[in-house]
């Protein structure tokens, strides 16, 4: 997928993200059963547009924010595929 800007409104604050396949794959590879928050935080900081970085830093101080934001960005960037088995 080509670089795509994703704009989210979070509590009245506009955040722009520019996800890409490399950053997405690194995020998935860094996650472990006991380590999800730090990879989500790092992923968001890697893909946030420069003009949104300061606002994102403030929002990421809220509990659960990193996982919620990463989930929403990835719902748009990497949508679930419809897969079926054909026999």
C-alpha atoms as a PDB file:
ATOM      1  CA  UNK A   1       0.000   0.000   0.000  1.00  0.00           C
ATOM      2  CA  UNK A   2       1.295   3.423  -0.876  1.00  0.00           C
ATOM      3  CA  UNK A   3       1.916   5.935   1.873  1.00  0.00           C
ATOM      4  CA  UNK A   4      -1.473   7.110   3.023  1.00  0.00           C
ATOM      5  CA  UNK A   5      -2.210   9.897   5.462  1.00  0.00           C
ATOM      6  CA  UNK A   6      -4.675   8.995   8.189  1.00  0.00           C
ATOM      7  CA  UNK A   7      -6.217  11.845  10.159  1.00  0.00           C
ATOM      8  CA  UNK A   8      -7.855  11.087  13.491  1.00  0.00           C
ATOM      9  CA  UNK A   9      -9.709  13.411  15.845  1.00  0.00           C
ATOM     10  CA  UNK A  10      -8.857  12.574  19.453  1.00  0.00           C
ATOM     11  CA  UNK A  11     -10.704  14.602  22.063  1.00  0.00           C
ATOM     12  CA  UNK A  12     -10.858  17.598  19.746  1.00  0.00           C
ATOM     13  CA  UNK A  13      -7.205  17.285  18.696  1.00  0.00           C
ATOM     14  CA  UNK A  14      -6.362  16.413  15.107  1.00  0.00           C
ATOM     15  CA  UNK A  15      -3.576  13.886  14.658  1.00  0.00           C
ATOM     16  CA  UNK A  16      -2.103  12.943  11.290  1.00  0.00           C
ATOM     17  CA  UNK A  17      -0.322   9.637  10.779  1.00  0.00           C
ATOM     18  CA  UNK A  18       1.624   8.401   7.764  1.00  0.00           C
ATOM     19  CA  UNK A  19       1.836   4.632   8.196  1.00  0.00           C
ATOM     20  CA  UNK A  20       3.928   2.499   5.895  1.00  0.00           C
ATOM     21  CA  UNK A  21       4.593  -1.200   5.490  1.00  0.00           C
ATOM     22  CA  UNK A  22       8.061  -1.061   7.063  1.00  0.00           C
ATOM     23  CA  UNK A  23       6.830   0.643  10.253  1.00  0.00           C
ATOM     24  CA  UNK A  24       3.783  -1.631  10.435  1.00  0.00           C
ATOM     25  CA  UNK A  25       5.879  -4.788  10.098  1.00  0.00           C
ATOM     26  CA  UNK A  26       8.346  -3.560  12.721  1.00  0.00           C
ATOM     27  CA  UNK A  27       5.428  -2.897  15.101  1.00  0.00           C
ATOM     28  CA  UNK A  28       4.048  -6.408  14.623  1.00  0.00           C
ATOM     29  CA  UNK A  29       7.500  -7.963  15.031  1.00  0.00           C
ATOM     30  CA  UNK A  30       8.176  -6.032  18.281  1.00  0.00           C
ATOM     31  CA  UNK A  31       4.945  -7.103  19.974  1.00  0.00           C
ATOM     32  CA  UNK A  32       5.005  -9.975  22.452  1.00  0.00           C
ATOM     33  CA  UNK A  33       2.480 -11.423  24.892  1.00  0.00           C
ATOM     34  CA  UNK A  34       3.971  -9.350  27.700  1.00  0.00           C
ATOM     35  CA  UNK A  35       4.946  -6.277  25.678  1.00  0.00           C
ATOM     36  CA  UNK A  36       2.303  -4.375  23.711  1.00  0.00           C
ATOM     37  CA  UNK A  37       2.253  -0.807  25.006  1.00  0.00           C
ATOM     38  CA  UNK A  38       5.867   0.086  24.246  1.00  0.00           C
ATOM     39  CA  UNK A  39       5.755  -1.216  20.645  1.00  0.00           C
ATOM     40  CA  UNK A  40       2.467   0.654  20.042  1.00  0.00           C
ATOM     41  CA  UNK A  41       3.950   3.875  21.459  1.00  0.00           C
ATOM     42  CA  UNK A  42       7.101   3.537  19.338  1.00  0.00           C
ATOM     43  CA  UNK A  43       5.085   2.719  16.205  1.00  0.00           C
ATOM     44  CA  UNK A  44       2.904   5.800  16.590  1.00  0.00           C
ATOM     45  CA  UNK A  45       5.928   8.032  17.176  1.00  0.00           C
ATOM     46  CA  UNK A  46       7.523   6.626  13.993  1.00  0.00           C
ATOM     47  CA  UNK A  47       4.482   7.294  11.805  1.00  0.00           C
ATOM     48  CA  UNK A  48       3.101  10.551  13.227  1.00  0.00           C
ATOM     49  CA  UNK A  49       3.345  13.596  10.964  1.00  0.00           C
ATOM     50  CA  UNK A  50       5.740  16.253  12.243  1.00  0.00           C
ATOM     51  CA  UNK A  51       2.949  18.769  12.862  1.00  0.00           C
ATOM     52  CA  UNK A  52       1.127  16.284  15.153  1.00  0.00           C
ATOM     53  CA  UNK A  53       4.090  15.005  17.161  1.00  0.00           C
ATOM     54  CA  UNK A  54       3.727  17.345  20.142  1.00  0.00           C
ATOM     55  CA  UNK A  55      -0.008  16.687  20.475  1.00  0.00           C
ATOM     56  CA  UNK A  56       0.537  12.935  20.165  1.00  0.00           C
ATOM     57  CA  UNK A  57       3.161  13.003  22.908  1.00  0.00           C
ATOM     58  CA  UNK A  58       0.622  14.591  25.267  1.00  0.00           C
ATOM     59  CA  UNK A  59      -2.150  12.146  24.331  1.00  0.00           C
ATOM     60  CA  UNK A  60       0.147   9.150  24.795  1.00  0.00           C
ATOM     61  CA  UNK A  61       0.444  10.045  28.479  1.00  0.00           C
ATOM     62  CA  UNK A  62      -3.154   8.831  28.914  1.00  0.00           C
ATOM     63  CA  UNK A  63      -3.554   5.188  29.984  1.00  0.00           C
ATOM     64  CA  UNK A  64      -4.454   2.959  27.050  1.00  0.00           C
ATOM     65  CA  UNK A  65      -4.014   5.677  24.437  1.00  0.00           C
ATOM     66  CA  UNK A  66      -1.165   4.002  22.545  1.00  0.00           C
ATOM     67  CA  UNK A  67      -3.034   0.754  21.993  1.00  0.00           C
ATOM     68  CA  UNK A  68      -6.292   2.477  21.067  1.00  0.00           C
ATOM     69  CA  UNK A  69      -4.610   4.763  18.547  1.00  0.00           C
ATOM     70  CA  UNK A  70      -2.481   2.014  17.006  1.00  0.00           C
ATOM     71  CA  UNK A  71      -5.577  -0.163  16.655  1.00  0.00           C
ATOM     72  CA  UNK A  72      -7.534   2.597  14.891  1.00  0.00           C
ATOM     73  CA  UNK A  73      -4.663   3.490  12.541  1.00  0.00           C
ATOM     74  CA  UNK A  74      -4.158  -0.167  11.654  1.00  0.00           C
ATOM     75  CA  UNK A  75      -7.883  -0.738  11.027  1.00  0.00           C
ATOM     76  CA  UNK A  76      -7.536   1.787   8.224  1.00  0.00           C
ATOM     77  CA  UNK A  77      -4.005   0.990   7.034  1.00  0.00           C
ATOM     78  CA  UNK A  78      -4.196  -2.811   7.172  1.00  0.00           C
ATOM     79  CA  UNK A  79      -7.858  -3.770   6.840  1.00  0.00           C
ATOM     80  CA  UNK A  80      -8.973  -7.309   7.598  1.00  0.00           C
ATOM     81  CA  UNK A  81      -9.049  -9.455   4.495  1.00  0.00           C
ATOM     82  CA  UNK A  82     -12.044 -11.592   3.666  1.00  0.00           C
ATOM     83  CA  UNK A  83     -10.599 -15.083   3.357  1.00  0.00           C
ATOM     84  CA  UNK A  84     -12.513 -18.259   2.701  1.00  0.00           C
ATOM     85  CA  UNK A  85     -11.561 -21.845   1.966  1.00  0.00           C
ATOM     86  CA  UNK A  86     -12.523 -23.227  -1.390  1.00  0.00           C
ATOM     87  CA  UNK A  87     -12.639 -27.001  -1.696  1.00  0.00           C
END
